[in-house]
């Protein structure tokens, strides 16, 4: 506004000055031109005044608008700052209140803790005072007893002096008696001692030999009973499945049309699958099924899972087969590691090397005489732990026995080809991966291929035999089964008076028929016992065999 007024005044002043200059100039010209110039000057002055007035008005209007806008903006900023200050104050007040409440709670808790500590301290002080009183009473009792002991010691010293005097008198009298006896017996004291010692020595040796013999016989009987008791209790406490594994896998199909797709044109698909998996695929006339055969259960499982994927996908050709087999083999390796880890966790075995964990998982896909190797190893581990507990081992020894039981057959799933036995190979694997020497010896000695040097090795060997020999654990081939049945019958027929012998119930019972003229009832009982003992000594068999001797007397007459 001041600028506009200044401009207006400056313009007016300029016009006046210009007017004066023009007037002075026109005075030198003619009068007419002066008058015209004066008229023009008047007009210009009027226009300048109007322009100045208009500019002043516009400047005042703009100044008023700017002032009102600035005042409104200032008011809004002011209100906003006031509100922010109020919010911050409320927040700080709330934080202060909450912190104050927490501080009050903590102070109360601290007071309660202090009170409880004071109570405990007071109780301890009371207890200390009571103990101090008891100690004072005990000290008084000890002082009284010391005084009594002193009196007793003085009395004992007197009695000892009396006894020493009497002993001297007895020694003198004894010497006189010995001299008198020597005169009567014509023997010196030394000769009499030697004769008595020789008689006592001979008698003692005889009695000692009898005692030793009886002790040895009792120890043998007791040890046999205890061993049988421990084995029976271990078997009774262990529950296992009566299942066996097969060497072939049967893959079921939805329809026989899929067999053609699996075989492929000129057999290229089935050849590619056999080459990729290493398993043999048998496609025969069996409806809606094909057979996968392989000595290696892992290859057989890879082939089965790959076939399952290929049939579900529907795209069966050599390139796809190689891709699916590679993926399946990778997933199976991960599954093997997971199985090993889960087995180790279930058995509560710690610190096992990752390679040995993988070997434990591989045992899931390996079988021995139809018995799954992983189940057999887990069963052996549990049996070892139970038997160690029955024998009173420490928890550390029991865990070591369980560890050795799990790893005893790990040589059967070794990845490298070797001519070593599985026990020696398993021992080398355990030594390579820093297992305890006791575990390594138990693994290598469970088939008596090396010498046992600790108590855990025979436990692993016994538990391995228990797990493999229990009924239903392993599948017997027909030849060995028939041979065992024949041996049972021949063993019974070798005794006098036996007429017939029949092995029944898959070799679990032996019935022996004897001639009544040659075998009495008493001898029938003895014969049953002798046959059972001979079976125990000469044969190997799972479970138990019942021996039944049958003697029949028939009296037949005819009335004519």
Protein backbone atom coordinates (compact mmCIF):
# COMPACT_ATOMS: atom_id res chain seq x y z
CA UNK A 1 0.00 0.00 0.00
CA UNK A 2 2.84 2.43 0.86
CA UNK A 3 4.59 1.48 -2.38
CA UNK A 4 1.46 2.28 -4.40
CA UNK A 5 1.06 5.69 -2.72
CA UNK A 6 4.72 6.42 -3.26
CA UNK A 7 4.41 5.52 -6.92
CA UNK A 8 1.36 7.77 -7.27
CA UNK A 9 3.05 10.70 -5.56
CA UNK A 10 6.19 10.17 -7.61
CA UNK A 11 4.13 10.14 -10.78
CA UNK A 12 2.33 13.32 -9.79
CA UNK A 13 5.60 15.05 -8.94
CA UNK A 14 7.02 13.92 -12.25
CA UNK A 15 4.05 15.25 -14.11
CA UNK A 16 4.29 18.61 -12.36
CA UNK A 17 7.92 18.90 -13.16
CA UNK A 18 7.23 17.93 -16.73
CA UNK A 19 4.50 20.50 -16.83
CA UNK A 20 6.79 23.23 -15.63
CA UNK A 21 9.40 22.27 -18.14
CA UNK A 22 6.90 22.23 -20.94
CA UNK A 23 5.54 25.58 -19.85
CA UNK A 24 8.95 27.12 -19.79
CA UNK A 25 9.62 25.69 -23.19
CA UNK A 26 6.34 26.86 -24.58
CA UNK A 27 6.87 30.37 -23.36
CA UNK A 28 9.48 30.66 -25.98
CA UNK A 29 7.01 29.42 -28.64
CA UNK A 30 3.82 30.94 -29.72
CA UNK A 31 0.88 31.43 -27.42
CA UNK A 32 -1.38 29.06 -29.31
CA UNK A 33 0.88 26.17 -28.88
CA UNK A 34 1.17 27.02 -25.20
CA UNK A 35 -2.54 26.93 -24.78
CA UNK A 36 -2.80 23.61 -26.64
CA UNK A 37 -0.06 22.21 -24.55
CA UNK A 38 -1.74 23.47 -21.43
CA UNK A 39 -4.95 21.73 -22.44
CA UNK A 40 -3.11 18.51 -23.17
CA UNK A 41 -1.27 18.84 -19.89
CA UNK A 42 -4.52 19.24 -18.03
CA UNK A 43 -5.89 16.12 -19.64
CA UNK A 44 -2.78 14.17 -18.86
CA UNK A 45 -2.83 15.37 -15.27
CA UNK A 46 -6.42 14.24 -14.90
CA UNK A 47 -5.61 10.84 -16.40
CA UNK A 48 -2.56 10.52 -14.19
CA UNK A 49 -4.60 11.34 -11.13
CA UNK A 50 -7.23 8.75 -12.10
CA UNK A 51 -4.53 6.16 -12.78
CA UNK A 52 -2.83 6.96 -9.48
CA UNK A 53 -6.12 6.69 -7.65
CA UNK A 54 -6.91 3.36 -9.34
CA UNK A 55 -3.47 2.00 -8.49
CA UNK A 56 -3.82 3.11 -4.91
CA UNK A 57 -7.21 1.39 -4.62
CA UNK A 58 -5.91 -1.84 -6.15
CA UNK A 59 -2.91 -1.84 -3.84
CA UNK A 60 -5.14 -1.32 -0.79
CA UNK A 61 -7.46 -4.17 -1.90
CA UNK A 62 -4.54 -6.58 -2.41
CA UNK A 63 -3.01 -5.57 0.92
CA UNK A 64 -6.31 -6.24 2.72
CA UNK A 65 -6.61 -9.67 1.07
CA UNK A 66 -3.02 -10.61 1.93
CA UNK A 67 -3.51 -9.43 5.49
CA UNK A 68 -6.71 -11.45 5.95
CA UNK A 69 -5.10 -14.56 4.39
CA UNK A 70 -2.04 -14.24 6.61
CA UNK A 71 -4.19 -13.78 9.71
CA UNK A 72 -6.26 -16.92 8.87
CA UNK A 73 -3.19 -19.01 8.20
CA UNK A 74 -1.57 -17.78 11.38
CA UNK A 75 -4.67 -18.68 13.36
CA UNK A 76 -4.75 -22.20 11.91
CA UNK A 77 -1.06 -22.77 12.67
CA UNK A 78 -1.60 -21.47 16.15
CA UNK A 79 -4.53 -23.82 16.80
CA UNK A 80 -2.60 -26.77 15.36
CA UNK A 81 0.41 -26.14 17.58
CA UNK A 82 -1.86 -25.75 20.60
CA UNK A 83 -3.55 -29.08 19.83
CA UNK A 84 -0.20 -30.83 19.33
CA UNK A 85 1.02 -29.44 22.62
CA UNK A 86 -2.13 -30.71 24.36
CA UNK A 87 -1.77 -34.19 22.78
CA UNK A 88 1.85 -34.43 23.79
CA UNK A 89 1.01 -33.30 27.30
CA UNK A 90 -1.74 -35.94 27.56
CA UNK A 91 0.61 -38.63 26.26
CA UNK A 92 3.35 -37.69 28.69
CA UNK A 93 0.84 -37.60 31.51
CA UNK A 94 -0.46 -41.07 30.55
CA UNK A 95 3.09 -42.47 30.36
CA UNK A 96 3.83 -40.94 33.70
CA UNK A 97 0.69 -42.45 35.25
CA UNK A 98 1.43 -45.92 33.81
CA UNK A 99 5.06 -45.81 34.90
CA UNK A 100 3.94 -44.59 38.30
CA UNK A 101 1.49 -47.52 38.61
CA UNK A 102 4.17 -49.99 37.53
CA UNK A 103 6.58 -48.48 39.98
CA UNK A 104 4.01 -48.79 42.76
CA UNK A 105 3.41 -52.46 41.88
CA UNK A 106 7.13 -53.15 41.80
CA UNK A 107 7.59 -51.42 45.11
CA UNK A 108 4.82 -53.56 46.63
CA UNK A 109 6.38 -56.72 45.22
CA UNK A 110 9.76 -55.64 46.53
CA UNK A 111 8.28 -55.02 49.97
CA UNK A 112 6.70 -58.50 49.92
CA UNK A 113 10.03 -60.05 48.92
CA UNK A 114 11.81 -58.17 51.66
CA UNK A 115 9.21 -59.33 54.20
CA UNK A 116 9.54 -62.94 53.02
CA UNK A 117 13.34 -62.70 53.23
CA UNK A 118 13.03 -61.24 56.74
CA UNK A 119 10.76 -64.14 57.73
CA UNK A 120 13.20 -66.66 56.29
CA UNK A 121 16.09 -64.98 58.03
CA UNK A 122 14.18 -65.02 61.30
CA UNK A 123 13.37 -68.73 60.85
CA UNK A 124 17.02 -69.47 60.08
CA UNK A 125 18.08 -67.52 63.16
CA UNK A 126 15.63 -69.49 65.31
CA UNK A 127 16.84 -72.72 63.76
CA UNK A 128 20.44 -71.67 64.33
CA UNK A 129 19.69 -70.95 67.99
CA UNK A 130 18.05 -74.37 68.38
CA UNK A 131 21.04 -76.06 66.75
CA UNK A 132 23.38 -74.11 68.96
CA UNK A 133 21.49 -75.29 72.03
CA UNK A 134 21.62 -78.88 70.79
CA UNK A 135 25.36 -78.56 70.15
CA UNK A 136 25.88 -77.23 73.67
CA UNK A 137 23.94 -80.18 75.06
CA UNK A 138 25.94 -82.59 72.93
CA UNK A 139 29.18 -80.96 74.05
CA UNK A 140 28.16 -81.45 77.68
CA UNK A 141 27.30 -85.10 76.94
CA UNK A 142 30.68 -85.58 75.26
CA UNK A 143 32.50 -84.04 78.22
CA UNK A 144 30.59 -86.31 80.57
CA UNK A 145 31.38 -89.35 78.42
CA UNK A 146 35.05 -88.38 78.29
CA UNK A 147 35.09 -88.30 82.06
CA UNK A 148 33.41 -91.71 82.18
CA UNK A 149 35.87 -93.07 79.62
CA UNK A 150 38.76 -91.80 81.67
CA UNK A 151 37.45 -93.66 84.70
CA UNK A 152 36.87 -96.80 82.65
CA UNK A 153 40.38 -96.56 81.18
CA UNK A 154 41.87 -96.40 84.67
CA UNK A 155 39.87 -99.48 85.67
CA UNK A 156 40.97 -101.28 82.50
CA UNK A 157 44.60 -100.48 83.20
CA UNK A 158 44.25 -102.04 86.64
CA UNK A 159 42.54 -105.11 85.21
CA UNK A 160 45.19 -105.43 82.49
CA UNK A 161 47.92 -105.46 85.11
CA UNK A 162 46.06 -108.17 86.98
CA UNK A 163 45.60 -110.16 83.75
CA UNK A 164 49.30 -109.81 82.87
CA UNK A 165 50.26 -111.16 86.25
CA UNK A 166 47.85 -114.08 85.89
CA UNK A 167 49.08 -114.77 82.35
CA UNK A 168 52.64 -115.02 83.62
CA UNK A 169 51.45 -117.49 86.24
CA UNK A 170 49.56 -119.49 83.59
CA UNK A 171 52.58 -119.54 81.28
CA UNK A 172 54.72 -120.92 84.05
CA UNK A 173 52.12 -123.58 84.89
CA UNK A 174 51.71 -124.41 81.18
CA UNK A 175 55.45 -124.95 80.80
CA UNK A 176 55.42 -127.33 83.73
CA UNK A 177 52.49 -129.28 82.21
CA UNK A 178 54.23 -129.41 78.79
CA UNK A 179 57.37 -130.81 80.36
CA UNK A 180 55.31 -133.42 82.20
CA UNK A 181 53.49 -134.38 78.94
CA UNK A 182 56.78 -134.66 77.05
CA UNK A 183 58.04 -137.12 79.62
CA UNK A 184 54.85 -139.17 79.35
CA UNK A 185 54.51 -139.13 75.48
CA UNK A 186 58.22 -139.26 74.67
CA UNK A 187 57.62 -136.37 72.15
CA UNK A 188 58.98 -132.90 72.09
CA UNK A 189 56.73 -129.86 71.75
CA UNK A 190 57.85 -129.21 68.15
CA UNK A 191 57.19 -132.83 67.09
CA UNK A 192 53.71 -132.75 68.59
CA UNK A 193 52.95 -129.47 66.80
CA UNK A 194 54.08 -130.89 63.46
CA UNK A 195 51.92 -134.01 63.83
CA UNK A 196 48.87 -131.94 64.75
CA UNK A 197 49.46 -129.50 61.86
CA UNK A 198 49.80 -132.35 59.33
CA UNK A 199 46.54 -133.93 60.49
CA UNK A 200 44.73 -130.59 60.42
CA UNK A 201 46.20 -129.79 56.97
CA UNK A 202 45.05 -133.10 55.46
CA UNK A 203 41.60 -132.69 56.95
CA UNK A 204 41.40 -129.06 55.73
CA UNK A 205 42.46 -129.96 52.18
CA UNK A 206 39.78 -132.65 51.99
CA UNK A 207 37.11 -130.34 53.34
CA UNK A 208 38.24 -127.48 51.07
CA UNK A 209 38.11 -129.68 47.98
CA UNK A 210 34.59 -130.78 48.86
CA UNK A 211 33.54 -127.18 49.49
CA UNK A 212 35.09 -125.97 46.23
CA UNK A 213 33.45 -128.77 44.28
CA UNK A 214 30.06 -128.08 45.80
CA UNK A 215 30.52 -124.31 45.27
CA UNK A 216 31.45 -124.80 41.62
CA UNK A 217 28.47 -127.07 41.00
CA UNK A 218 26.10 -124.69 42.77
CA UNK A 219 27.59 -121.72 40.88
CA UNK A 220 27.09 -123.50 37.55
CA UNK A 221 23.50 -124.39 38.40
CA UNK A 222 22.79 -120.91 39.73
CA UNK A 223 24.51 -119.19 36.78
CA UNK A 224 22.55 -121.31 34.31
CA UNK A 225 19.31 -120.49 36.09
CA UNK A 226 20.12 -116.77 36.29
CA UNK A 227 21.17 -116.63 32.64
CA UNK A 228 17.96 -118.33 31.53
CA UNK A 229 15.97 -116.07 33.83
CA UNK A 230 17.56 -112.91 32.39
CA UNK A 231 17.08 -114.08 28.79
CA UNK A 232 13.45 -115.06 29.43
CA UNK A 233 12.68 -111.77 31.19
CA UNK A 234 14.34 -109.84 28.37
CA UNK A 235 12.31 -111.68 25.73
CA UNK A 236 9.08 -111.26 27.71
CA UNK A 237 9.61 -107.51 28.07
CA UNK A 238 10.22 -107.10 24.34
CA UNK A 239 7.28 -107.08 21.93
CA UNK A 240 8.01 -107.30 18.18
CA UNK A 241 6.08 -107.84 14.99
CA UNK A 242 5.67 -111.30 13.45
CA UNK A 243 6.23 -110.06 9.89
CA UNK A 244 8.73 -110.84 7.13
CA UNK A 245 9.91 -109.00 4.04
CA UNK A 246 9.72 -110.16 0.46
CA UNK A 247 12.41 -109.96 -2.23
CA UNK A 248 9.94 -108.83 -4.90
CA UNK A 249 7.42 -106.00 -5.14
CA UNK A 250 4.09 -106.27 -6.92
CA UNK A 251 2.93 -103.09 -8.68
CA UNK A 252 -0.82 -103.01 -9.21
CA UNK A 253 -2.30 -101.43 -12.35
CA UNK A 254 -5.73 -100.02 -12.99
CA UNK A 255 -6.00 -101.90 -16.28
CA UNK A 256 -3.92 -104.20 -18.47
CA UNK A 257 -3.73 -101.48 -21.14
CA UNK A 258 -1.03 -99.77 -19.12
CA UNK A 259 1.30 -102.73 -19.63
CA UNK A 260 1.71 -101.75 -23.27
CA UNK A 261 2.63 -98.18 -22.34
CA UNK A 262 5.15 -99.42 -19.78
CA UNK A 263 6.77 -101.78 -22.31
CA UNK A 264 6.77 -99.14 -25.08
CA UNK A 265 7.51 -99.51 -28.75
CA UNK A 266 9.84 -102.48 -29.24
CA UNK A 267 10.36 -102.53 -25.45
CA UNK A 268 12.30 -99.25 -25.26
CA UNK A 269 10.41 -97.92 -22.22
CA UNK A 270 10.90 -101.00 -20.06
CA UNK A 271 14.57 -101.24 -21.09
CA UNK A 272 15.12 -97.59 -20.18
CA UNK A 273 13.42 -98.08 -16.80
CA UNK A 274 15.47 -101.21 -16.01
CA UNK A 275 18.70 -99.45 -17.03
CA UNK A 276 17.91 -96.36 -14.92
CA UNK A 277 16.83 -98.22 -11.77
CA UNK A 278 18.90 -101.42 -11.93
CA UNK A 279 15.82 -103.54 -11.14
CA UNK A 280 14.20 -106.24 -13.26
CA UNK A 281 10.58 -105.73 -14.35
CA UNK A 282 8.55 -108.85 -15.11
CA UNK A 283 5.42 -108.33 -17.20
CA UNK A 284 3.49 -111.59 -17.45
CA UNK A 285 -0.11 -112.76 -17.73
CA UNK A 286 -0.95 -111.76 -14.17
CA UNK A 287 -4.02 -109.52 -14.46
CA UNK A 288 -3.54 -105.86 -13.56
CA UNK A 289 -0.12 -106.36 -11.97
CA UNK A 290 3.58 -106.41 -12.81
CA UNK A 291 6.44 -107.73 -10.68
CA UNK A 292 9.57 -105.75 -9.75
CA UNK A 293 12.50 -107.97 -8.77
CA UNK A 294 15.91 -106.95 -7.41
CA UNK A 295 18.41 -108.13 -4.81
CA UNK A 296 18.71 -104.50 -3.65
CA UNK A 297 15.51 -103.28 -1.95
CA UNK A 298 16.51 -99.63 -2.54
CA UNK A 299 16.61 -100.16 -6.30
CA UNK A 300 13.31 -101.99 -6.10
CA UNK A 301 11.74 -99.10 -4.17
CA UNK A 302 13.11 -96.52 -6.63
CA UNK A 303 11.60 -98.53 -9.50
CA UNK A 304 8.23 -98.85 -7.74
CA UNK A 305 7.95 -95.14 -6.92
CA UNK A 306 9.10 -94.14 -10.43
CA UNK A 307 6.50 -96.42 -12.01
CA UNK A 308 3.84 -94.95 -9.76
CA UNK A 309 4.71 -91.41 -10.91
CA UNK A 310 4.94 -92.34 -14.57
CA UNK A 311 1.58 -94.13 -14.56
CA UNK A 312 -0.07 -91.21 -12.74
CA UNK A 313 1.44 -88.70 -15.19
CA UNK A 314 0.71 -90.75 -18.32
CA UNK A 315 3.84 -89.54 -20.17
CA UNK A 316 6.03 -92.64 -20.47
CA UNK A 317 9.09 -92.31 -22.72
CA UNK A 318 12.86 -92.78 -22.16
CA UNK A 319 13.67 -89.09 -21.48
CA UNK A 320 10.80 -88.75 -19.03
CA UNK A 321 11.78 -92.03 -17.36
CA UNK A 322 15.33 -90.83 -16.70
CA UNK A 323 14.05 -87.54 -15.28
CA UNK A 324 11.51 -89.22 -12.97
CA UNK A 325 14.03 -91.83 -11.77
CA UNK A 326 16.56 -89.10 -10.90
CA UNK A 327 13.95 -87.14 -8.91
CA UNK A 328 12.73 -90.29 -7.17
CA UNK A 329 16.27 -91.34 -6.23
CA UNK A 330 16.95 -87.89 -4.75
CA UNK A 331 13.71 -87.94 -2.74
CA UNK A 332 14.45 -91.48 -1.54
CA UNK A 333 17.89 -90.37 -0.31
CA UNK A 334 16.20 -87.60 1.70
CA UNK A 335 13.67 -90.11 3.02
CA UNK A 336 16.51 -92.47 4.05
CA UNK A 337 18.19 -89.70 6.06
CA UNK A 338 14.86 -88.79 7.68
CA UNK A 339 14.23 -92.44 8.62
CA UNK A 340 17.69 -92.65 10.19
CA UNK A 341 17.21 -89.44 12.17
CA UNK A 342 13.78 -90.53 13.39
CA UNK A 343 15.14 -93.93 14.45
CA UNK A 344 18.01 -92.36 16.39
CA UNK A 345 15.64 -89.93 18.11
CA UNK A 346 13.19 -92.72 19.03
CA UNK A 347 16.01 -94.76 20.56
CA UNK A 348 17.39 -91.70 22.42
CA UNK A 349 20.88 -92.10 20.91
CA UNK A 350 22.97 -88.92 20.73
CA UNK A 351 26.13 -87.90 18.89
CA UNK A 352 25.88 -90.39 16.02
CA UNK A 353 27.77 -89.40 12.87
CA UNK A 354 25.63 -88.20 9.94
CA UNK A 355 27.00 -90.95 7.66
CA UNK A 356 26.06 -93.64 10.19
CA UNK A 357 22.59 -92.07 10.48
CA UNK A 358 22.24 -92.43 6.71
CA UNK A 359 23.35 -96.08 6.94
CA UNK A 360 20.71 -96.67 9.63
CA UNK A 361 18.08 -95.27 7.26
CA UNK A 362 19.32 -97.57 4.46
CA UNK A 363 18.62 -100.56 6.70
CA UNK A 364 14.90 -99.86 6.27
CA UNK A 365 15.18 -101.12 2.68
CA UNK A 366 17.32 -104.19 3.45
CA UNK A 367 16.14 -107.60 4.64
CA UNK A 368 17.91 -110.69 5.97
CA UNK A 369 16.16 -114.06 5.68
CA UNK A 370 12.94 -112.13 5.16
CA UNK A 371 13.42 -110.06 8.33
CA UNK A 372 13.59 -106.28 7.85
CA UNK A 373 17.10 -105.19 8.87
CA UNK A 374 16.07 -101.89 10.49
CA UNK A 375 13.35 -103.55 12.58
CA UNK A 376 15.82 -106.27 13.56
CA UNK A 377 18.43 -103.65 14.58
CA UNK A 378 15.88 -101.62 16.58
CA UNK A 379 14.66 -104.80 18.28
CA UNK A 380 18.25 -105.80 19.09
CA UNK A 381 18.94 -102.32 20.51
CA UNK A 382 15.90 -102.54 22.81
CA UNK A 383 16.86 -106.06 23.89
CA UNK A 384 20.42 -104.92 24.68
CA UNK A 385 19.13 -102.06 26.82
CA UNK A 386 16.69 -104.34 28.66
CA UNK A 387 19.29 -107.05 29.26
CA UNK A 388 21.82 -104.47 30.49
CA UNK A 389 19.21 -103.18 32.93
CA UNK A 390 18.46 -106.75 34.11
CA UNK A 391 22.20 -107.30 34.73
CA UNK A 392 22.45 -104.10 36.78
CA UNK A 393 24.59 -102.05 34.40
CA UNK A 394 24.98 -98.31 34.79
CA UNK A 395 22.82 -96.05 32.57
CA UNK A 396 25.92 -95.13 30.54
CA UNK A 397 26.71 -98.80 29.87
CA UNK A 398 23.06 -99.50 28.99
CA UNK A 399 23.07 -96.65 26.43
CA UNK A 400 26.33 -97.96 24.95
CA UNK A 401 24.80 -101.44 24.66
CA UNK A 402 21.75 -99.97 22.92
CA UNK A 403 24.04 -98.06 20.53
CA UNK A 404 26.00 -101.22 19.69
CA UNK A 405 22.78 -103.18 19.17
CA UNK A 406 21.57 -100.61 16.62
CA UNK A 407 24.86 -100.59 14.69
CA UNK A 408 25.76 -104.31 14.85
CA UNK A 409 24.53 -105.09 11.29
CA UNK A 410 25.44 -101.76 9.66
CA UNK A 411 28.03 -103.51 7.51
CA UNK A 412 25.21 -105.15 5.53
CA UNK A 413 24.21 -101.79 3.97
CA UNK A 414 27.71 -100.52 3.14
CA UNK A 415 27.87 -98.70 -0.20
CA UNK A 416 31.26 -100.05 -1.30
CA UNK A 417 31.86 -103.57 -2.62
CA UNK A 418 34.18 -105.68 -0.45
CA UNK A 419 34.97 -109.28 0.41
CA UNK A 420 34.95 -108.64 4.16
CA UNK A 421 32.17 -110.00 6.34
CA UNK A 422 29.48 -107.57 7.40
CA UNK A 423 30.64 -107.69 11.05
CA UNK A 424 34.24 -106.67 10.24
CA UNK A 425 33.06 -104.10 7.69
CA UNK A 426 30.64 -102.62 10.24
CA UNK A 427 33.44 -102.43 12.82
CA UNK A 428 35.64 -100.56 10.32
CA UNK A 429 32.82 -98.11 9.57
CA UNK A 430 32.31 -97.44 13.28
CA UNK A 431 36.04 -96.92 13.82
CA UNK A 432 36.22 -94.59 10.81
CA UNK A 433 33.44 -92.41 12.21
CA UNK A 434 34.86 -92.16 15.76
CA UNK A 435 32.59 -94.58 17.63
CA UNK A 436 33.63 -95.82 21.10
CA UNK A 437 36.07 -98.80 21.05
CA UNK A 438 33.60 -100.87 23.08
CA UNK A 439 30.89 -100.31 20.43
CA UNK A 440 33.35 -101.14 17.63
CA UNK A 441 34.37 -104.40 19.34
CA UNK A 442 30.73 -105.38 19.95
CA UNK A 443 29.91 -104.81 16.26
CA UNK A 444 32.91 -106.80 15.02
CA UNK A 445 32.61 -109.67 17.52
CA UNK A 446 28.92 -110.48 17.32
CA UNK A 447 29.75 -113.44 15.01
CA UNK A 448 32.94 -114.44 16.92
CA UNK A 449 35.19 -113.20 14.11
CA UNK A 450 37.32 -111.22 16.55
CA UNK A 451 37.92 -111.64 20.28
CA UNK A 452 35.50 -109.96 22.69
CA UNK A 453 37.20 -107.56 25.13
CA UNK A 454 34.25 -106.17 27.11
CA UNK A 455 30.99 -107.26 28.73
CA UNK A 456 28.76 -105.51 26.17
CA UNK A 457 29.95 -107.66 23.22
CA UNK A 458 28.37 -110.95 24.47
CA UNK A 459 25.15 -109.06 25.27
CA UNK A 460 24.93 -107.79 21.66
CA UNK A 461 25.64 -111.30 20.37
CA UNK A 462 22.94 -112.85 22.59
CA UNK A 463 20.34 -110.21 21.71
CA UNK A 464 21.10 -110.59 18.00
CA UNK A 465 20.46 -114.32 18.30
CA UNK A 466 17.25 -113.73 20.27
CA UNK A 467 15.89 -111.29 17.68
CA UNK A 468 16.75 -113.53 14.73
CA UNK A 469 15.66 -116.84 16.27
CA UNK A 470 12.29 -115.86 17.72
CA UNK A 471 9.28 -117.48 16.04
CA UNK A 472 8.08 -115.53 13.00
CA UNK A 473 11.15 -113.33 12.73
CA UNK A 474 12.69 -114.91 9.68
CA UNK A 475 11.40 -116.93 6.80
CA UNK A 476 12.77 -120.46 6.49
CA UNK A 477 13.35 -121.98 3.10
CA UNK A 478 11.66 -125.30 2.39
CA UNK A 479 14.88 -127.35 2.30
CA UNK A 480 16.08 -126.22 5.72
CA UNK A 481 12.60 -126.73 7.17
CA UNK A 482 12.37 -130.31 5.86
CA UNK A 483 15.91 -131.01 7.01
CA UNK A 484 15.08 -129.88 10.56
CA UNK A 485 11.93 -132.01 10.61
CA UNK A 486 13.91 -135.05 9.42
CA UNK A 487 16.63 -134.49 12.02
CA UNK A 488 14.01 -134.36 14.77
CA UNK A 489 12.50 -137.68 13.75
CA UNK A 490 15.91 -139.36 13.27
CA UNK A 491 17.07 -138.16 16.67
CA UNK A 492 14.05 -139.79 18.34
CA UNK A 493 14.33 -143.02 16.32
CA UNK A 494 17.94 -143.50 17.51
CA UNK A 495 16.75 -144.58 20.98
CA UNK A 496 15.89 -148.19 21.83
CA UNK A 497 12.23 -149.11 22.01
CA UNK A 498 11.07 -146.26 19.73
CA UNK A 499 8.67 -147.53 17.10
CA UNK A 500 7.65 -144.31 15.28
CA UNK A 501 8.39 -140.59 15.57
CA UNK A 502 6.36 -137.76 14.07
CA UNK A 503 7.25 -134.05 13.96
CA UNK A 504 4.07 -131.99 14.16
CA UNK A 505 2.94 -128.34 14.24
CA UNK A 506 5.74 -127.16 11.94
CA UNK A 507 8.36 -128.79 14.14
CA UNK A 508 7.06 -127.39 17.43
CA UNK A 509 6.02 -130.81 18.77
CA UNK A 510 7.60 -134.27 18.51
CA UNK A 511 5.42 -137.30 19.22
CA UNK A 512 7.27 -140.52 19.90
CA UNK A 513 5.46 -143.89 19.85
CA UNK A 514 7.30 -146.66 21.77
CA UNK A 515 6.85 -150.42 22.04
CA UNK A 516 5.05 -151.30 25.24
CA UNK A 517 6.96 -154.59 25.62
CA UNK A 518 10.38 -152.87 25.64
CA UNK A 519 9.57 -149.55 27.34
CA UNK A 520 8.06 -149.26 30.81
CA UNK A 521 6.11 -146.29 32.13
CA UNK A 522 9.10 -145.12 34.16
CA UNK A 523 11.44 -145.43 31.20
CA UNK A 524 8.92 -143.48 29.05
CA UNK A 525 9.38 -140.48 31.37
CA UNK A 526 13.15 -140.86 31.21
CA UNK A 527 13.04 -141.25 27.42
CA UNK A 528 11.08 -138.01 27.01
CA UNK A 529 13.66 -136.17 29.11
CA UNK A 530 16.63 -137.70 27.24
CA UNK A 531 15.20 -136.82 23.82
CA UNK A 532 14.52 -133.20 24.91
CA UNK A 533 18.07 -132.86 26.26
CA UNK A 534 19.55 -134.29 23.08
CA UNK A 535 17.51 -131.83 20.99
CA UNK A 536 18.83 -128.93 23.10
CA UNK A 537 22.45 -130.08 22.73
CA UNK A 538 22.53 -131.02 19.02
CA UNK A 539 19.98 -128.86 17.20
CA UNK A 540 19.28 -125.16 16.59
CA UNK A 541 15.64 -124.13 16.48
CA UNK A 542 13.45 -121.11 17.29
CA UNK A 543 11.14 -121.18 20.32
CA UNK A 544 10.58 -124.52 22.05
CA UNK A 545 9.80 -128.11 21.04
CA UNK A 546 7.36 -130.27 22.99
CA UNK A 547 8.37 -133.94 23.27
CA UNK A 548 5.52 -136.40 23.90
CA UNK A 549 6.21 -140.12 24.43
CA UNK A 550 3.17 -142.39 23.86
CA UNK A 551 3.12 -145.92 25.28
CA UNK A 552 0.08 -148.06 24.70
CA UNK A 553 -0.60 -151.59 25.99
CA UNK A 554 -3.33 -153.57 24.20
CA UNK A 555 -4.63 -156.97 25.35
CA UNK A 556 -6.55 -158.76 22.59
CA UNK A 557 -8.20 -162.18 22.91
CA UNK A 558 -10.84 -163.97 20.89
CA UNK A 559 -13.81 -165.99 22.21
CA UNK A 560 -14.42 -169.01 20.00
